[in-house]
Amino acid sequence: MKTLRQLGERGLIRQLQRLLPCGQCVVVGIGDDCAAVRSGAGGKRGGLLLLKTDAVVEGIHFNRRAAPRQIGWKAMARALSDIAAMAGRPRWALVTAGLRDDMPVRFVEDIYRGMAAVAGEFGVAIVGGETVRTRGPFWLSVALAGEVVRRAMRPRSGARVGDAIFVTGALGGSIAGKHLAFTPRIREAQWLTRRGFVRAMIDISDGLARDLGHVCRESRVGARLTASAIPIALAARGSLERALTDGEDFELLFTTPARDAERLMKAWQRAFPRLSLTQIGVIIRRKGIRLCDDAGRSRPLHEDGYDHFNPSHA
C-alpha cells in the first residue's frame, strides 16, 4: 500500500480533487492558493468569497526557541499571504488551537497577540474558533475568509506564452528569521491587479522552483529563468539553490504581458521604493522550467522545494 511519503503532497491533492464534491457556486476549488466561491447577492454583482485554511505545527513550522508572538504572527500571516496571491481583501478569521494543558497562560496569550497584530494591520477581525487539548506538539489552524472582485482575481492558470515573470523581494534563507516575521504582500497584490499588470500569480511558500511549477502546470506552459537575475537574500549567503528551493519567502511570483514590463517597473519604483521587484524570466511554450546562464546555456530545473510528506526532498 502506497504511503503519503511515496505519494507526496501534490499527489495527495490530486487524488483528493477526484474524491471531493465541487458545487456549481465554486469558481476556484482545490489546487489554488484559495478557494473562490459565489455567495448570495455579492456573487451576482461579480464579488467572490475567498476561503483559506492554513496550519502551523510545533517542530515543523517553528521550534521552541521562537517567541510566542512570532508564532502567532506566522500562523495568521501564512493565510493572509494566500489571500494576497488571489489579489483579495482579507476580512474574517477563525482560529483553532491545539494546546497542551501544561502551557503557561501568558505564552498562549502572547501567541494570540501576535495573530491579532498582523490581523489588525490588514483589517481582519478574528471572530471565533476553538481550543482543544493535545498531548503532542501544539498547533494552530487559521481559517480565513476574504473578498475579491472576480475580474481582479488572478489564479495560477492565467500565464501566457511571452509573459515576463516577476518576483517581489529577495529569496532564500528564510529559516534565519524571515519565516517568522514576514509581511504578507496584500497591498502590493491589490496595486498590481488594479493596474492590470498581472495575468497569473502565486505566493512563494514552497520555493520558487516548485511554486513556478504550479503556475506552469495550471497554465499549460513552460518557463525560462535567467539564473543571474534571481534575487538572492543575504540570509541565503549567495546560494542560488537556496533561492530556488528554500521556501517560506512569502513573496509574490507573477506574470505580466511583456509589453507592460517596463511600465510596471517604473510605476513600482514610485509606489514601493523599499521593496524590490525583479524580472527573472519569461513564459515559453515548451513545458517544464529551464534555467539559463549568461552564456545562453540552459538546463532543466527540477521542481524541488518543500513537501510536507517528504521534507527530505526539499
C-alpha atoms as a PDB file:
ATOM      1  CA  MET A   1       0.000   0.000   0.000  1.00  0.00           C
ATOM      2  CA  LYS A   2       1.409   3.395  -1.030  1.00  0.00           C
ATOM      3  CA  THR A   3       2.267   5.782   1.806  1.00  0.00           C
ATOM      4  CA  LEU A   4       1.980   9.576   1.937  1.00  0.00           C
ATOM      5  CA  ARG A   5       5.771   9.781   1.810  1.00  0.00           C
ATOM      6  CA  GLN A   6       5.728   7.934  -1.519  1.00  0.00           C
ATOM      7  CA  LEU A   7       2.736   9.843  -2.901  1.00  0.00           C
ATOM      8  CA  GLY A   8       3.855  13.324  -1.836  1.00  0.00           C
ATOM      9  CA  GLU A   9       1.740  16.366  -1.077  1.00  0.00           C
ATOM     10  CA  ARG A  10       0.992  17.175  -4.726  1.00  0.00           C
ATOM     11  CA  GLY A  11      -0.066  13.609  -5.435  1.00  0.00           C
ATOM     12  CA  LEU A  12      -2.364  13.561  -2.409  1.00  0.00           C
ATOM     13  CA  ILE A  13      -4.038  16.802  -3.505  1.00  0.00           C
ATOM     14  CA  ARG A  14      -4.652  15.376  -6.986  1.00  0.00           C
ATOM     15  CA  GLN A  15      -6.283  12.269  -5.505  1.00  0.00           C
ATOM     16  CA  LEU A  16      -8.456  14.291  -3.133  1.00  0.00           C
ATOM     17  CA  GLN A  17      -9.600  16.504  -6.009  1.00  0.00           C
ATOM     18  CA  ARG A  18     -11.139  13.439  -7.623  1.00  0.00           C
ATOM     19  CA  LEU A  19     -12.858  12.346  -4.405  1.00  0.00           C
ATOM     20  CA  LEU A  20     -14.383  15.578  -3.127  1.00  0.00           C
ATOM     21  CA  PRO A  21     -17.545  17.227  -4.491  1.00  0.00           C
ATOM     22  CA  CYS A  22     -17.412  20.662  -6.102  1.00  0.00           C
ATOM     23  CA  GLY A  23     -20.707  22.576  -6.422  1.00  0.00           C
ATOM     24  CA  GLN A  24     -21.834  24.969  -9.142  1.00  0.00           C
ATOM     25  CA  CYS A  25     -21.081  28.011  -6.966  1.00  0.00           C
ATOM     26  CA  VAL A  26     -17.363  27.128  -6.857  1.00  0.00           C
ATOM     27  CA  VAL A  27     -15.308  29.299  -9.206  1.00  0.00           C
ATOM     28  CA  VAL A  28     -11.866  28.131  -7.996  1.00  0.00           C
ATOM     29  CA  GLY A  29     -11.596  24.923  -5.998  1.00  0.00           C
ATOM     30  CA  ILE A  30      -8.882  22.651  -4.645  1.00  0.00           C
ATOM     31  CA  GLY A  31      -5.411  23.296  -6.042  1.00  0.00           C
ATOM     32  CA  ASP A  32      -5.050  27.085  -5.974  1.00  0.00           C
ATOM     33  CA  ASP A  33      -3.965  29.437  -3.183  1.00  0.00           C
ATOM     34  CA  CYS A  34      -7.573  29.939  -2.033  1.00  0.00           C
ATOM     35  CA  ALA A  35     -10.997  28.650  -2.922  1.00  0.00           C
ATOM     36  CA  ALA A  36     -13.231  31.266  -4.573  1.00  0.00           C
ATOM     37  CA  VAL A  37     -17.000  30.854  -4.429  1.00  0.00           C
ATOM     38  CA  ARG A  38     -20.092  32.801  -5.413  1.00  0.00           C
ATOM     39  CA  SER A  39     -22.187  33.664  -2.390  1.00  0.00           C
ATOM     40  CA  GLY A  40     -25.612  35.328  -2.443  1.00  0.00           C
ATOM     41  CA  ALA A  41     -26.138  38.787  -3.869  1.00  0.00           C
ATOM     42  CA  GLY A  42     -22.415  39.592  -3.745  1.00  0.00           C
ATOM     43  CA  GLY A  43     -21.712  36.859  -6.243  1.00  0.00           C
ATOM     44  CA  LYS A  44     -24.293  38.246  -8.660  1.00  0.00           C
ATOM     45  CA  ARG A  45     -22.519  41.616  -8.632  1.00  0.00           C
ATOM     46  CA  GLY A  46     -19.216  39.995  -9.532  1.00  0.00           C
ATOM     47  CA  GLY A  47     -17.894  39.666  -5.985  1.00  0.00           C
ATOM     48  CA  LEU A  48     -16.447  36.372  -4.794  1.00  0.00           C
ATOM     49  CA  LEU A  49     -15.825  34.968  -1.330  1.00  0.00           C
ATOM     50  CA  LEU A  50     -12.271  33.694  -0.796  1.00  0.00           C
ATOM     51  CA  LEU A  51     -11.771  30.810   1.645  1.00  0.00           C
ATOM     52  CA  LYS A  52      -8.447  29.631   3.029  1.00  0.00           C
ATOM     53  CA  THR A  53      -7.231  27.482   5.893  1.00  0.00           C
ATOM     54  CA  ASP A  54      -3.636  27.013   6.998  1.00  0.00           C
ATOM     55  CA  ALA A  55      -1.899  25.425   9.972  1.00  0.00           C
ATOM     56  CA  VAL A  56       1.431  25.631  11.779  1.00  0.00           C
ATOM     57  CA  VAL A  57       2.808  22.829  13.939  1.00  0.00           C
ATOM     58  CA  GLU A  58       5.484  22.953  16.623  1.00  0.00           C
ATOM     59  CA  GLY A  59       8.680  21.292  15.390  1.00  0.00           C
ATOM     60  CA  ILE A  60       7.654  21.664  11.737  1.00  0.00           C
ATOM     61  CA  HIS A  61       6.925  25.347  11.141  1.00  0.00           C
ATOM     62  CA  PHE A  62       8.709  26.728  14.212  1.00  0.00           C
ATOM     63  CA  ASN A  63      10.871  25.449  17.048  1.00  0.00           C
ATOM     64  CA  ARG A  64      10.710  26.017  20.782  1.00  0.00           C
ATOM     65  CA  ARG A  65      13.088  28.965  20.603  1.00  0.00           C
ATOM     66  CA  ALA A  66      10.524  31.010  18.623  1.00  0.00           C
ATOM     67  CA  ALA A  67       8.835  33.806  20.540  1.00  0.00           C
ATOM     68  CA  PRO A  68       5.092  33.233  21.037  1.00  0.00           C
ATOM     69  CA  ARG A  69       4.189  36.492  19.287  1.00  0.00           C
ATOM     70  CA  GLN A  70       6.219  35.355  16.257  1.00  0.00           C
ATOM     71  CA  ILE A  71       4.390  32.022  16.226  1.00  0.00           C
ATOM     72  CA  GLY A  72       1.035  33.785  16.230  1.00  0.00           C
ATOM     73  CA  TRP A  73       2.135  36.272  13.580  1.00  0.00           C
ATOM     74  CA  LYS A  74       3.295  33.470  11.275  1.00  0.00           C
ATOM     75  CA  ALA A  75       0.119  31.427  11.753  1.00  0.00           C
ATOM     76  CA  MET A  76      -2.091  34.315  10.632  1.00  0.00           C
ATOM     77  CA  ALA A  77       0.305  35.777   8.041  1.00  0.00           C
ATOM     78  CA  ARG A  78       0.566  32.478   6.116  1.00  0.00           C
ATOM     79  CA  ALA A  79      -3.154  32.526   5.388  1.00  0.00           C
ATOM     80  CA  LEU A  80      -3.032  36.246   4.591  1.00  0.00           C
ATOM     81  CA  SER A  81      -0.286  35.592   2.047  1.00  0.00           C
ATOM     82  CA  ASP A  82      -2.583  33.221   0.167  1.00  0.00           C
ATOM     83  CA  ILE A  83      -5.327  35.846   0.092  1.00  0.00           C
ATOM     84  CA  ALA A  84      -2.701  38.214  -1.347  1.00  0.00           C
ATOM     85  CA  ALA A  85      -1.928  35.715  -4.108  1.00  0.00           C
ATOM     86  CA  MET A  86      -5.572  35.975  -5.220  1.00  0.00           C
ATOM     87  CA  ALA A  87      -5.468  39.808  -5.020  1.00  0.00           C
ATOM     88  CA  GLY A  88      -8.159  39.634  -2.350  1.00  0.00           C
ATOM     89  CA  ARG A  89      -9.140  41.644   0.691  1.00  0.00           C
ATOM     90  CA  PRO A  90      -8.987  39.553   3.899  1.00  0.00           C
ATOM     91  CA  ARG A  91     -11.943  40.044   6.251  1.00  0.00           C
ATOM     92  CA  TRP A  92     -12.644  37.421   8.936  1.00  0.00           C
ATOM     93  CA  ALA A  93     -10.664  34.681  10.669  1.00  0.00           C
ATOM     94  CA  LEU A  94     -11.397  31.682  12.875  1.00  0.00           C
ATOM     95  CA  VAL A  95      -8.557  30.176  14.914  1.00  0.00           C
ATOM     96  CA  THR A  96      -8.370  26.602  16.180  1.00  0.00           C
ATOM     97  CA  ALA A  97      -5.587  25.928  18.688  1.00  0.00           C
ATOM     98  CA  GLY A  98      -4.351  22.517  19.821  1.00  0.00           C
ATOM     99  CA  LEU A  99      -2.720  23.252  23.192  1.00  0.00           C
ATOM    100  CA  ARG A 100      -1.034  21.221  25.925  1.00  0.00           C
ATOM    101  CA  ASP A 101      -2.559  21.649  29.369  1.00  0.00           C
ATOM    102  CA  ASP A 102       0.842  22.472  30.923  1.00  0.00           C
ATOM    103  CA  MET A 103       1.435  25.504  28.667  1.00  0.00           C
ATOM    104  CA  PRO A 104       1.736  28.859  30.501  1.00  0.00           C
ATOM    105  CA  VAL A 105      -1.344  31.028  30.014  1.00  0.00           C
ATOM    106  CA  ARG A 106       0.856  34.056  29.250  1.00  0.00           C
ATOM    107  CA  PHE A 107       2.576  32.111  26.454  1.00  0.00           C
ATOM    108  CA  VAL A 108      -0.792  31.340  24.832  1.00  0.00           C
ATOM    109  CA  GLU A 109      -1.985  34.922  25.250  1.00  0.00           C
ATOM    110  CA  ASP A 110       1.143  36.171  23.507  1.00  0.00           C
ATOM    111  CA  ILE A 111       0.509  33.816  20.585  1.00  0.00           C
ATOM    112  CA  TYR A 112      -2.914  35.383  20.161  1.00  0.00           C
ATOM    113  CA  ARG A 113      -1.412  38.860  20.488  1.00  0.00           C
ATOM    114  CA  GLY A 114       0.859  38.018  17.560  1.00  0.00           C
ATOM    115  CA  MET A 115      -2.110  36.863  15.473  1.00  0.00           C
ATOM    116  CA  ALA A 116      -4.101  39.961  16.421  1.00  0.00           C
ATOM    117  CA  ALA A 117      -1.218  42.270  15.471  1.00  0.00           C
ATOM    118  CA  VAL A 118      -0.927  41.111  11.852  1.00  0.00           C
ATOM    119  CA  ALA A 119      -4.697  40.649  11.507  1.00  0.00           C
ATOM    120  CA  GLY A 120      -5.241  44.227  12.663  1.00  0.00           C
ATOM    121  CA  GLU A 121      -2.669  45.551  10.216  1.00  0.00           C
ATOM    122  CA  PHE A 122      -4.793  44.276   7.335  1.00  0.00           C
ATOM    123  CA  GLY A 123      -8.265  44.935   8.767  1.00  0.00           C
ATOM    124  CA  VAL A 124      -9.054  41.322   9.674  1.00  0.00           C
ATOM    125  CA  ALA A 125     -11.452  40.539  12.520  1.00  0.00           C
ATOM    126  CA  ILE A 126     -10.753  37.348  14.484  1.00  0.00           C
ATOM    127  CA  VAL A 127     -14.328  36.301  15.149  1.00  0.00           C
ATOM    128  CA  GLY A 128     -14.015  32.968  16.951  1.00  0.00           C
ATOM    129  CA  GLY A 129     -12.574  29.499  16.767  1.00  0.00           C
ATOM    130  CA  GLU A 130     -11.879  26.545  19.040  1.00  0.00           C
ATOM    131  CA  THR A 131      -9.353  25.320  21.589  1.00  0.00           C
ATOM    132  CA  VAL A 132      -8.604  21.620  22.078  1.00  0.00           C
ATOM    133  CA  ARG A 133      -6.143  19.702  24.235  1.00  0.00           C
ATOM    134  CA  THR A 134      -3.244  17.850  22.650  1.00  0.00           C
ATOM    135  CA  ARG A 135      -0.644  15.590  24.227  1.00  0.00           C
ATOM    136  CA  GLY A 136       1.907  16.168  21.478  1.00  0.00           C
ATOM    137  CA  PRO A 137       3.290  19.237  19.705  1.00  0.00           C
ATOM    138  CA  PHE A 138       0.961  22.218  19.846  1.00  0.00           C
ATOM    139  CA  TRP A 139      -0.509  23.643  16.673  1.00  0.00           C
ATOM    140  CA  LEU A 140      -2.628  26.475  15.303  1.00  0.00           C
ATOM    141  CA  SER A 141      -5.049  26.399  12.381  1.00  0.00           C
ATOM    142  CA  VAL A 142      -6.347  29.630  10.843  1.00  0.00           C
ATOM    143  CA  ALA A 143      -9.453  29.679   8.640  1.00  0.00           C
ATOM    144  CA  LEU A 144      -9.622  32.960   6.751  1.00  0.00           C
ATOM    145  CA  ALA A 145     -12.369  34.458   4.607  1.00  0.00           C
ATOM    146  CA  GLY A 146     -11.856  37.344   2.235  1.00  0.00           C
ATOM    147  CA  GLU A 147     -13.406  39.061  -0.749  1.00  0.00           C
ATOM    148  CA  VAL A 148     -12.333  39.760  -4.294  1.00  0.00           C
ATOM    149  CA  VAL A 149     -13.951  41.195  -7.391  1.00  0.00           C
ATOM    150  CA  ARG A 150     -13.950  38.421  -9.953  1.00  0.00           C
ATOM    151  CA  ARG A 151     -12.319  40.465 -12.691  1.00  0.00           C
ATOM    152  CA  ALA A 152      -9.441  41.314 -10.314  1.00  0.00           C
ATOM    153  CA  MET A 153      -8.690  37.736  -9.249  1.00  0.00           C
ATOM    154  CA  ARG A 154      -5.551  36.245 -10.774  1.00  0.00           C
ATOM    155  CA  PRO A 155      -5.362  32.456 -10.351  1.00  0.00           C
ATOM    156  CA  ARG A 156      -2.355  30.330 -11.253  1.00  0.00           C
ATOM    157  CA  SER A 157      -3.838  29.378 -14.623  1.00  0.00           C
ATOM    158  CA  GLY A 158      -3.580  32.771 -16.341  1.00  0.00           C
ATOM    159  CA  ALA A 159       0.030  32.794 -17.629  1.00  0.00           C
ATOM    160  CA  ARG A 160       0.506  33.141 -21.402  1.00  0.00           C
ATOM    161  CA  VAL A 161       3.463  32.445 -23.706  1.00  0.00           C
ATOM    162  CA  GLY A 162       5.686  35.517 -23.872  1.00  0.00           C
ATOM    163  CA  ASP A 163       4.739  36.851 -20.425  1.00  0.00           C
ATOM    164  CA  ALA A 164       7.506  38.274 -18.251  1.00  0.00           C
ATOM    165  CA  ILE A 165       7.995  36.547 -14.872  1.00  0.00           C
ATOM    166  CA  PHE A 166       8.478  38.765 -11.823  1.00  0.00           C
ATOM    167  CA  VAL A 167       9.166  38.276  -8.116  1.00  0.00           C
ATOM    168  CA  THR A 168       8.986  40.733  -5.248  1.00  0.00           C
ATOM    169  CA  GLY A 169      11.765  40.945  -2.664  1.00  0.00           C
ATOM    170  CA  ALA A 170      14.696  38.543  -2.347  1.00  0.00           C
ATOM    171  CA  LEU A 171      14.594  34.778  -1.968  1.00  0.00           C
ATOM    172  CA  GLY A 172      16.170  32.067   0.164  1.00  0.00           C
ATOM    173  CA  GLY A 173      17.386  31.708   3.729  1.00  0.00           C
ATOM    174  CA  SER A 174      14.043  32.457   5.370  1.00  0.00           C
ATOM    175  CA  ILE A 175      14.836  29.985   8.157  1.00  0.00           C
ATOM    176  CA  ALA A 176      17.234  32.611   9.542  1.00  0.00           C
ATOM    177  CA  GLY A 177      14.217  34.585  10.730  1.00  0.00           C
ATOM    178  CA  LYS A 178      12.093  35.922   7.883  1.00  0.00           C
ATOM    179  CA  HIS A 179       9.689  32.980   8.059  1.00  0.00           C
ATOM    180  CA  LEU A 180       8.568  34.233  11.482  1.00  0.00           C
ATOM    181  CA  ALA A 181       8.409  37.947  10.653  1.00  0.00           C
ATOM    182  CA  PHE A 182       7.364  38.411   7.018  1.00  0.00           C
ATOM    183  CA  THR A 183       4.738  40.879   5.824  1.00  0.00           C
ATOM    184  CA  PRO A 184       2.047  39.443   3.529  1.00  0.00           C
ATOM    185  CA  ARG A 185       2.010  41.292   0.202  1.00  0.00           C
ATOM    186  CA  ILE A 186      -1.676  42.209   0.375  1.00  0.00           C
ATOM    187  CA  ARG A 187      -1.244  45.856  -0.612  1.00  0.00           C
ATOM    188  CA  GLU A 188       1.212  45.094  -3.401  1.00  0.00           C
ATOM    189  CA  ALA A 189      -1.013  42.422  -4.951  1.00  0.00           C
ATOM    190  CA  GLN A 190      -4.042  44.704  -4.961  1.00  0.00           C
ATOM    191  CA  TRP A 191      -1.983  47.520  -6.500  1.00  0.00           C
ATOM    192  CA  LEU A 192      -0.731  45.208  -9.248  1.00  0.00           C
ATOM    193  CA  THR A 193      -4.140  43.888 -10.209  1.00  0.00           C
ATOM    194  CA  ARG A 194      -5.897  47.272 -10.051  1.00  0.00           C
ATOM    195  CA  ARG A 195      -3.459  48.478 -12.707  1.00  0.00           C
ATOM    196  CA  GLY A 196      -3.867  45.401 -14.887  1.00  0.00           C
ATOM    197  CA  PHE A 197      -0.273  44.201 -14.619  1.00  0.00           C
ATOM    198  CA  VAL A 198      -0.937  40.579 -13.593  1.00  0.00           C
ATOM    199  CA  ARG A 199      -2.012  37.539 -15.598  1.00  0.00           C
ATOM    200  CA  ALA A 200      -1.170  34.765 -13.098  1.00  0.00           C
ATOM    201  CA  MET A 201       0.014  34.966  -9.502  1.00  0.00           C
ATOM    202  CA  ILE A 202       1.082  32.795  -6.566  1.00  0.00           C
ATOM    203  CA  ASP A 203       2.867  33.395  -3.285  1.00  0.00           C
ATOM    204  CA  ILE A 204       6.221  31.679  -2.780  1.00  0.00           C
ATOM    205  CA  SER A 205       5.712  29.322   0.143  1.00  0.00           C
ATOM    206  CA  ASP A 206       7.264  26.053  -1.076  1.00  0.00           C
ATOM    207  CA  GLY A 207      10.180  27.542  -3.051  1.00  0.00           C
ATOM    208  CA  LEU A 208      10.482  29.450  -6.324  1.00  0.00           C
ATOM    209  CA  ALA A 209      11.062  26.351  -8.465  1.00  0.00           C
ATOM    210  CA  ARG A 210       8.151  24.421  -7.003  1.00  0.00           C
ATOM    211  CA  ASP A 211       5.677  27.296  -7.000  1.00  0.00           C
ATOM    212  CA  LEU A 212       6.572  28.402 -10.528  1.00  0.00           C
ATOM    213  CA  GLY A 213       5.953  24.783 -11.496  1.00  0.00           C
ATOM    214  CA  HIS A 214       2.389  25.106 -10.154  1.00  0.00           C
ATOM    215  CA  VAL A 215       1.806  28.156 -12.371  1.00  0.00           C
ATOM    216  CA  CYS A 216       3.241  26.423 -15.433  1.00  0.00           C
ATOM    217  CA  ARG A 217       1.171  23.292 -14.936  1.00  0.00           C
ATOM    218  CA  GLU A 218      -2.093  25.150 -14.331  1.00  0.00           C
ATOM    219  CA  SER A 219      -1.426  27.477 -17.290  1.00  0.00           C
ATOM    220  CA  ARG A 220      -0.157  24.638 -19.540  1.00  0.00           C
ATOM    221  CA  VAL A 221       3.047  26.476 -20.394  1.00  0.00           C
ATOM    222  CA  GLY A 222       6.752  26.375 -19.520  1.00  0.00           C
ATOM    223  CA  ALA A 223       9.249  28.897 -18.187  1.00  0.00           C
ATOM    224  CA  ARG A 224      12.795  30.042 -18.864  1.00  0.00           C
ATOM    225  CA  LEU A 225      14.617  31.638 -15.919  1.00  0.00           C
ATOM    226  CA  THR A 226      17.807  33.704 -16.014  1.00  0.00           C
ATOM    227  CA  ALA A 227      19.998  32.474 -13.167  1.00  0.00           C
ATOM    228  CA  SER A 228      21.850  35.753 -12.650  1.00  0.00           C
ATOM    229  CA  ALA A 229      18.570  37.696 -12.397  1.00  0.00           C
ATOM    230  CA  ILE A 230      17.150  35.764  -9.473  1.00  0.00           C
ATOM    231  CA  PRO A 231      17.373  37.975  -6.349  1.00  0.00           C
ATOM    232  CA  ILE A 232      19.152  36.103  -3.552  1.00  0.00           C
ATOM    233  CA  ALA A 233      18.509  37.183   0.044  1.00  0.00           C
ATOM    234  CA  LEU A 234      21.509  37.932   2.265  1.00  0.00           C
ATOM    235  CA  ALA A 235      20.454  35.084   4.551  1.00  0.00           C
ATOM    236  CA  ALA A 236      20.901  32.623   1.651  1.00  0.00           C
ATOM    237  CA  ARG A 237      24.626  33.540   1.547  1.00  0.00           C
ATOM    238  CA  GLY A 238      24.885  33.737  -2.222  1.00  0.00           C
ATOM    239  CA  SER A 239      23.329  30.321  -2.836  1.00  0.00           C
ATOM    240  CA  LEU A 240      21.194  30.218  -5.973  1.00  0.00           C
ATOM    241  CA  GLU A 241      19.994  26.754  -4.987  1.00  0.00           C
ATOM    242  CA  ARG A 242      18.588  28.101  -1.737  1.00  0.00           C
ATOM    243  CA  ALA A 243      16.873  30.978  -3.538  1.00  0.00           C
ATOM    244  CA  LEU A 244      15.225  28.423  -5.818  1.00  0.00           C
ATOM    245  CA  THR A 245      14.178  25.854  -3.228  1.00  0.00           C
ATOM    246  CA  ASP A 246      14.208  27.076   0.389  1.00  0.00           C
ATOM    247  CA  GLY A 247      10.601  28.233   0.522  1.00  0.00           C
ATOM    248  CA  GLU A 248       8.703  30.281   3.112  1.00  0.00           C
ATOM    249  CA  ASP A 249       9.742  33.524   1.427  1.00  0.00           C
ATOM    250  CA  PHE A 250       6.084  34.554   1.079  1.00  0.00           C
ATOM    251  CA  GLU A 251       6.908  36.909  -1.778  1.00  0.00           C
ATOM    252  CA  LEU A 252       4.717  37.314  -4.860  1.00  0.00           C
ATOM    253  CA  LEU A 253       5.552  35.445  -8.062  1.00  0.00           C
ATOM    254  CA  PHE A 254       3.536  36.636 -11.059  1.00  0.00           C
ATOM    255  CA  THR A 255       3.489  37.007 -14.824  1.00  0.00           C
ATOM    256  CA  THR A 256       2.682  40.133 -16.808  1.00  0.00           C
ATOM    257  CA  PRO A 257       2.434  40.815 -20.553  1.00  0.00           C
ATOM    258  CA  ALA A 258       5.921  41.580 -21.892  1.00  0.00           C
ATOM    259  CA  ARG A 259       4.725  44.871 -23.400  1.00  0.00           C
ATOM    260  CA  ASP A 260       3.908  46.116 -19.881  1.00  0.00           C
ATOM    261  CA  ALA A 261       7.153  45.085 -18.165  1.00  0.00           C
ATOM    262  CA  GLU A 262       8.998  48.396 -18.467  1.00  0.00           C
ATOM    263  CA  ARG A 263       5.973  50.445 -17.464  1.00  0.00           C
ATOM    264  CA  LEU A 264       5.432  48.155 -14.485  1.00  0.00           C
ATOM    265  CA  MET A 265       8.995  48.606 -13.242  1.00  0.00           C
ATOM    266  CA  LYS A 266       8.795  52.396 -13.363  1.00  0.00           C
ATOM    267  CA  ALA A 267       5.423  52.514 -11.623  1.00  0.00           C
ATOM    268  CA  TRP A 268       6.531  50.014  -8.984  1.00  0.00           C
ATOM    269  CA  GLN A 269       9.607  52.026  -8.029  1.00  0.00           C
ATOM    270  CA  ARG A 270       7.402  55.037  -7.375  1.00  0.00           C
ATOM    271  CA  ALA A 271       4.788  53.085  -5.410  1.00  0.00           C
ATOM    272  CA  PHE A 272       7.044  50.742  -3.386  1.00  0.00           C
ATOM    273  CA  PRO A 273      10.551  52.237  -3.231  1.00  0.00           C
ATOM    274  CA  ARG A 274      11.580  49.981  -0.302  1.00  0.00           C
ATOM    275  CA  LEU A 275      10.599  46.666  -1.910  1.00  0.00           C
ATOM    276  CA  SER A 276      12.465  45.323  -4.922  1.00  0.00           C
ATOM    277  CA  LEU A 277      10.759  43.911  -7.993  1.00  0.00           C
ATOM    278  CA  THR A 278      12.770  41.750 -10.397  1.00  0.00           C
ATOM    279  CA  GLN A 279      12.088  40.219 -13.784  1.00  0.00           C
ATOM    280  CA  ILE A 280      13.585  36.735 -13.600  1.00  0.00           C
ATOM    281  CA  GLY A 281      12.450  35.097 -16.816  1.00  0.00           C
ATOM    282  CA  VAL A 282       9.769  34.553 -19.441  1.00  0.00           C
ATOM    283  CA  ILE A 283       6.934  32.140 -20.073  1.00  0.00           C
ATOM    284  CA  ILE A 284       7.598  29.797 -23.012  1.00  0.00           C
ATOM    285  CA  ARG A 285       5.558  27.251 -24.919  1.00  0.00           C
ATOM    286  CA  ARG A 286       7.740  24.228 -24.119  1.00  0.00           C
ATOM    287  CA  LYS A 287       6.590  22.532 -20.914  1.00  0.00           C
ATOM    288  CA  GLY A 288       8.872  22.476 -17.876  1.00  0.00           C
ATOM    289  CA  ILE A 289      11.268  25.045 -16.425  1.00  0.00           C
ATOM    290  CA  ARG A 290      14.711  25.781 -17.824  1.00  0.00           C
ATOM    291  CA  LEU A 291      17.479  27.698 -16.033  1.00  0.00           C
ATOM    292  CA  CYS A 292      19.798  29.751 -18.263  1.00  0.00           C
ATOM    293  CA  ASP A 293      23.241  31.206 -17.553  1.00  0.00           C
ATOM    294  CA  ASP A 294      24.665  34.414 -19.016  1.00  0.00           C
ATOM    295  CA  ALA A 295      26.291  32.486 -21.866  1.00  0.00           C
ATOM    296  CA  GLY A 296      22.919  31.229 -23.047  1.00  0.00           C
ATOM    297  CA  ARG A 297      23.400  27.663 -21.829  1.00  0.00           C
ATOM    298  CA  SER A 298      20.329  26.141 -20.213  1.00  0.00           C
ATOM    299  CA  ARG A 299      19.425  23.091 -18.174  1.00  0.00           C
ATOM    300  CA  PRO A 300      16.144  21.648 -16.909  1.00  0.00           C
ATOM    301  CA  LEU A 301      15.222  22.888 -13.449  1.00  0.00           C
ATOM    302  CA  HIS A 302      13.643  20.285 -11.213  1.00  0.00           C
ATOM    303  CA  GLU A 303      10.750  21.480  -9.072  1.00  0.00           C
ATOM    304  CA  ASP A 304      12.497  20.907  -5.774  1.00  0.00           C
ATOM    305  CA  GLY A 305      11.041  22.576  -2.734  1.00  0.00           C
ATOM    306  CA  TYR A 306       9.188  21.766   0.442  1.00  0.00           C
ATOM    307  CA  ASP A 307       6.819  18.790   0.520  1.00  0.00           C
ATOM    308  CA  HIS A 308       5.004  18.238   3.827  1.00  0.00           C
ATOM    309  CA  PHE A 309       5.114  14.474   3.418  1.00  0.00           C
ATOM    310  CA  ASN A 310       8.642  14.176   2.105  1.00  0.00           C
ATOM    311  CA  PRO A 311      10.693  17.065   3.538  1.00  0.00           C
ATOM    312  CA  SER A 312      13.949  15.176   2.855  1.00  0.00           C
ATOM    313  CA  HIS A 313      13.415  16.087  -0.832  1.00  0.00           C
ATOM    314  CA  ALA A 314      13.354  19.820  -0.050  1.00  0.00           C
END
